[in-house]
Protein backbone atom coordinates (compact mmCIF):
# COMPACT_ATOMS: atom_id res chain seq x y z
CA UNK A 1 55.17 117.07 -80.92
CA UNK A 2 56.14 117.01 -77.52
CA UNK A 3 55.54 119.66 -75.14
CA UNK A 4 58.55 120.78 -72.88
CA UNK A 5 56.32 121.33 -70.20
CA UNK A 6 55.71 117.71 -70.34
CA UNK A 7 59.41 116.98 -69.91
CA UNK A 8 59.73 119.18 -66.83
CA UNK A 9 56.83 117.72 -65.14
CA UNK A 10 58.48 114.40 -65.03
CA UNK A 11 60.27 113.21 -61.89
CA UNK A 12 63.47 114.37 -61.72
CA UNK A 13 63.20 116.70 -64.61
CA UNK A 14 61.76 119.82 -63.09
CA UNK A 15 65.29 121.63 -62.21
CA UNK A 16 65.64 121.44 -65.95
CA UNK A 17 65.64 125.01 -67.39
CA UNK A 18 62.42 126.00 -69.67
CA UNK A 19 64.84 126.53 -72.69
CA UNK A 20 66.46 123.46 -72.25
CA UNK A 21 63.18 121.42 -71.96
CA UNK A 22 61.76 123.10 -75.30
CA UNK A 23 65.25 122.45 -76.97
CA UNK A 24 64.84 118.40 -76.26
CA UNK A 25 61.24 118.61 -77.13
CA UNK A 26 61.67 120.12 -80.55
CA UNK A 27 64.37 117.65 -81.54
CA UNK A 28 62.68 114.44 -79.83
CA UNK A 29 60.18 112.09 -81.41
CA UNK A 30 57.41 110.53 -79.77
CA UNK A 31 57.22 106.74 -79.79
CA UNK A 32 55.15 104.26 -77.90
CA UNK A 33 55.29 100.66 -77.10
CA UNK A 34 53.25 97.83 -75.96
CA UNK A 35 53.58 95.71 -72.84
CA UNK A 36 56.45 93.23 -73.40
CA UNK A 37 57.75 95.15 -76.70
CA UNK A 38 61.76 95.34 -77.08
CA UNK A 39 62.90 98.72 -77.38
CA UNK A 40 66.55 97.88 -78.21
CA UNK A 41 68.50 94.73 -77.75
CA UNK A 42 72.15 93.85 -76.29
CA UNK A 43 74.55 94.59 -78.90
CA UNK A 44 72.40 96.43 -81.27
CA UNK A 45 73.36 100.03 -82.68
CA UNK A 46 71.93 102.99 -81.04
CA UNK A 47 68.83 104.28 -81.77
CA UNK A 48 68.92 107.44 -79.55
CA UNK A 49 68.34 108.56 -76.06
CA UNK A 50 64.91 107.23 -74.72
CA UNK A 51 62.85 109.55 -72.15
CA UNK A 52 60.24 107.63 -70.50
CA UNK A 53 57.20 109.89 -70.41
CA UNK A 54 55.04 107.26 -69.35
CA UNK A 55 54.82 103.23 -68.50
CA UNK A 56 57.79 101.19 -67.30
CA UNK A 57 61.05 99.87 -69.16
CA UNK A 58 63.11 96.80 -67.37
CA UNK A 59 66.74 96.88 -68.65
CA UNK A 60 67.82 92.82 -68.84
CA UNK A 61 71.19 91.02 -69.16
CA UNK A 62 71.00 87.22 -69.73
CA UNK A 63 72.70 84.26 -70.62
CA UNK A 64 71.24 80.51 -71.26
CA UNK A 65 67.83 81.57 -70.80
CA UNK A 66 68.04 83.51 -67.82
CA UNK A 67 67.68 86.89 -67.63
CA UNK A 68 68.90 89.26 -64.94
CA UNK A 69 67.51 92.91 -64.25
CA UNK A 70 69.90 95.60 -64.27
CA UNK A 71 67.89 98.72 -63.48
CA UNK A 72 64.21 99.50 -63.96
CA UNK A 73 62.88 102.88 -65.29
CA UNK A 74 59.49 104.97 -65.12
CA UNK A 75 58.51 107.70 -65.94
CA UNK A 76 61.29 110.47 -65.82
CA UNK A 77 63.92 107.59 -66.51
CA UNK A 78 66.37 107.67 -69.61
CA UNK A 79 67.75 105.04 -71.59
CA UNK A 80 70.69 104.35 -74.32
CA UNK A 81 73.33 106.77 -73.01
CA UNK A 82 76.08 104.39 -73.13
CA UNK A 83 76.12 103.90 -77.05
CA UNK A 84 75.11 107.26 -77.36
CA UNK A 85 77.78 108.94 -76.09
CA UNK A 86 80.42 106.13 -75.84
CA UNK A 87 79.81 104.21 -79.28
CA UNK A 88 79.16 100.96 -79.89
CA UNK A 89 76.38 98.74 -79.16
CA UNK A 90 73.84 98.32 -76.28
CA UNK A 91 75.36 96.68 -73.16
CA UNK A 92 71.64 95.23 -72.48
CA UNK A 93 68.07 94.68 -73.57
CA UNK A 94 65.20 97.33 -72.69
CA UNK A 95 61.97 95.77 -72.92
CA UNK A 96 58.51 97.88 -71.68
CA UNK A 97 57.02 95.96 -69.27
CA UNK A 98 53.33 97.62 -69.76
CA UNK A 99 52.56 99.99 -72.70
CA UNK A 100 54.85 103.05 -72.30
CA UNK A 101 55.66 106.02 -74.05
CA UNK A 102 58.97 107.57 -74.63
CA UNK A 103 60.58 110.57 -76.32
CA UNK A 104 63.42 109.63 -78.33
CA UNK A 105 66.40 111.64 -79.81
CA UNK A 106 68.81 110.92 -82.00
CA UNK A 107 72.43 111.72 -81.44
CA UNK A 108 72.18 114.68 -83.98
CA UNK A 109 68.95 115.80 -82.29
CA UNK A 110 70.66 115.82 -78.71
CA UNK A 111 73.97 117.41 -80.34
CA UNK A 112 71.17 120.13 -81.94
CA UNK A 113 69.58 120.72 -78.18
CA UNK A 114 72.79 120.78 -76.86
CA UNK A 115 74.35 123.25 -79.05
CA UNK A 116 71.44 125.47 -78.26
CA UNK A 117 71.03 125.07 -74.76
CA UNK A 118 75.32 123.73 -73.43
CA UNK A 119 73.71 124.00 -69.47
CA UNK A 120 71.40 120.79 -71.01
CA UNK A 121 74.92 118.42 -70.71
CA UNK A 122 75.64 119.29 -67.26
CA UNK A 123 71.89 118.40 -66.36
CA UNK A 124 72.61 115.03 -68.51
CA UNK A 125 75.85 114.32 -66.57
CA UNK A 126 74.03 114.74 -63.40
CA UNK A 127 71.86 112.41 -64.16
CA UNK A 128 74.25 109.86 -65.72
CA UNK A 129 76.56 110.04 -62.09
CA UNK A 130 73.18 109.14 -60.07
CA UNK A 131 72.62 106.33 -62.19
CA UNK A 132 76.05 105.26 -61.61
CA UNK A 133 75.78 105.77 -57.71
CA UNK A 134 72.41 103.43 -58.29
CA UNK A 135 73.82 100.78 -59.89
CA UNK A 136 76.80 100.56 -57.63
CA UNK A 137 74.16 100.28 -54.39
CA UNK A 138 72.42 97.44 -56.55
CA UNK A 139 75.74 95.85 -57.27
CA UNK A 140 76.46 95.48 -53.60
CA UNK A 141 72.99 94.16 -52.47
CA UNK A 142 73.94 91.39 -55.07
CA UNK A 143 77.00 90.92 -53.88
CA UNK A 144 77.00 91.12 -50.41
CA UNK A 145 73.44 90.16 -49.51
CA UNK A 146 71.64 86.91 -49.33
CA UNK A 147 68.53 86.67 -51.42
CA UNK A 148 66.32 86.44 -48.08
CA UNK A 149 67.93 89.90 -47.18
CA UNK A 150 67.36 91.07 -50.85
CA UNK A 151 63.77 90.20 -51.12
CA UNK A 152 63.45 92.09 -47.58
CA UNK A 153 64.57 94.91 -48.67
CA UNK A 154 62.43 94.67 -51.76
CA UNK A 155 59.32 94.55 -49.43
CA UNK A 156 60.21 97.54 -47.60
CA UNK A 157 60.69 99.85 -50.30
CA UNK A 158 57.35 98.90 -51.75
CA UNK A 159 55.46 98.86 -48.89
CA UNK A 160 52.73 101.18 -48.02
CA UNK A 161 51.76 101.04 -44.41
CA UNK A 162 51.41 97.30 -43.47
CA UNK A 163 50.82 96.01 -47.07
CA UNK A 164 53.76 95.16 -49.74
CA UNK A 165 53.00 94.51 -53.12
CA UNK A 166 55.20 91.86 -54.95
CA UNK A 167 54.41 93.82 -58.09
CA UNK A 168 55.03 90.88 -60.62
CA UNK A 169 55.15 87.45 -61.04
CA UNK A 170 57.72 85.22 -59.06
CA UNK A 171 59.92 84.80 -62.10
CA UNK A 172 59.85 88.46 -62.56
CA UNK A 173 60.64 88.96 -58.85
CA UNK A 174 63.30 86.54 -59.53
CA UNK A 175 65.13 88.77 -62.33
CA UNK A 176 64.70 91.83 -60.49
CA UNK A 177 66.76 90.22 -57.13
CA UNK A 178 69.23 88.70 -59.61
CA UNK A 179 68.52 84.79 -58.65
CA UNK A 180 66.20 82.03 -59.91
CA UNK A 181 62.27 81.50 -59.21
CA UNK A 182 63.12 78.49 -56.94
CA UNK A 183 65.37 80.52 -54.75
CA UNK A 184 62.47 83.42 -54.71
CA UNK A 185 60.04 81.11 -53.11
CA UNK A 186 62.27 79.62 -50.69
CA UNK A 187 63.29 82.93 -49.51
CA UNK A 188 59.48 84.11 -49.38
CA UNK A 189 58.76 81.05 -47.36
CA UNK A 190 61.97 81.80 -45.13
CA UNK A 191 60.56 85.38 -44.33
CA UNK A 192 57.04 83.91 -43.74
CA UNK A 193 58.48 81.49 -40.79
CA UNK A 194 60.38 84.44 -39.13
CA UNK A 195 56.70 86.03 -38.73
CA UNK A 196 58.03 89.45 -39.93
CA UNK A 197 55.66 88.75 -42.72
CA UNK A 198 52.26 86.71 -43.82
CA UNK A 199 50.79 86.07 -47.08
CA UNK A 200 48.23 88.82 -48.12
CA UNK A 201 46.34 87.51 -51.04
CA UNK A 202 47.26 87.26 -54.68
CA UNK A 203 50.75 88.95 -54.95
CA UNK A 204 50.74 91.08 -51.61
CA UNK A 205 52.28 90.00 -48.21
CA UNK A 206 51.39 91.77 -45.14
CA UNK A 207 54.15 93.09 -42.59
CA UNK A 208 53.83 91.96 -39.10
CA UNK A 209 56.97 93.03 -37.94
CA UNK A 210 58.81 95.71 -39.80
CA UNK A 211 61.84 96.21 -37.37
CA UNK A 212 62.42 92.41 -37.79
CA UNK A 213 61.88 92.96 -41.50
CA UNK A 214 64.89 95.74 -41.87
CA UNK A 215 67.36 93.61 -39.60
CA UNK A 216 66.25 90.84 -42.00
CA UNK A 217 67.19 93.33 -44.85
CA UNK A 218 70.49 94.42 -43.14
CA UNK A 219 71.60 91.01 -42.18
């Protein structure tokens, strides 16, 4: 049994009213996934709406052995809306990147929650609209910025003071940036040559000139 208060405590869910949270919790089933376990594959039939309670899930599309990360969802993130509301199969594949727990609602369960709490529909639509905005921003980056600029932006987003954590292998980072590992390696070396950042141990870089790094991210 999932506690409705646990859902409301998730990032981005604080504005959900208590009644809607309880309605969702009553209809949801808790599921756990191990690191690298597939939640669903592109083209497969809907298994429901996934609400990430803990852990992390990446959503990818691939062709010819190459994958591109569409988005990554941590606690509070949702997955599986497209086939749930529009029919058809999943447009992409979802993979847990670490041990993950989700609340899963079937289409029947979600309809039951919406009948009980109609305001829940507006809350979910608001979340979907924000998802579209985020995906458009991500598409702009891939289409308009070169890999060095995308990498500089990635480092700024994950910086903590004068340090930034790459957070994943170079191959996984390439998927995140929409390119291949060899290009990421060259881009990282290029950033080192500018003096904006320097290596700082395994998987970390030191930010030496944050203003320069911002300029490179916008170039």
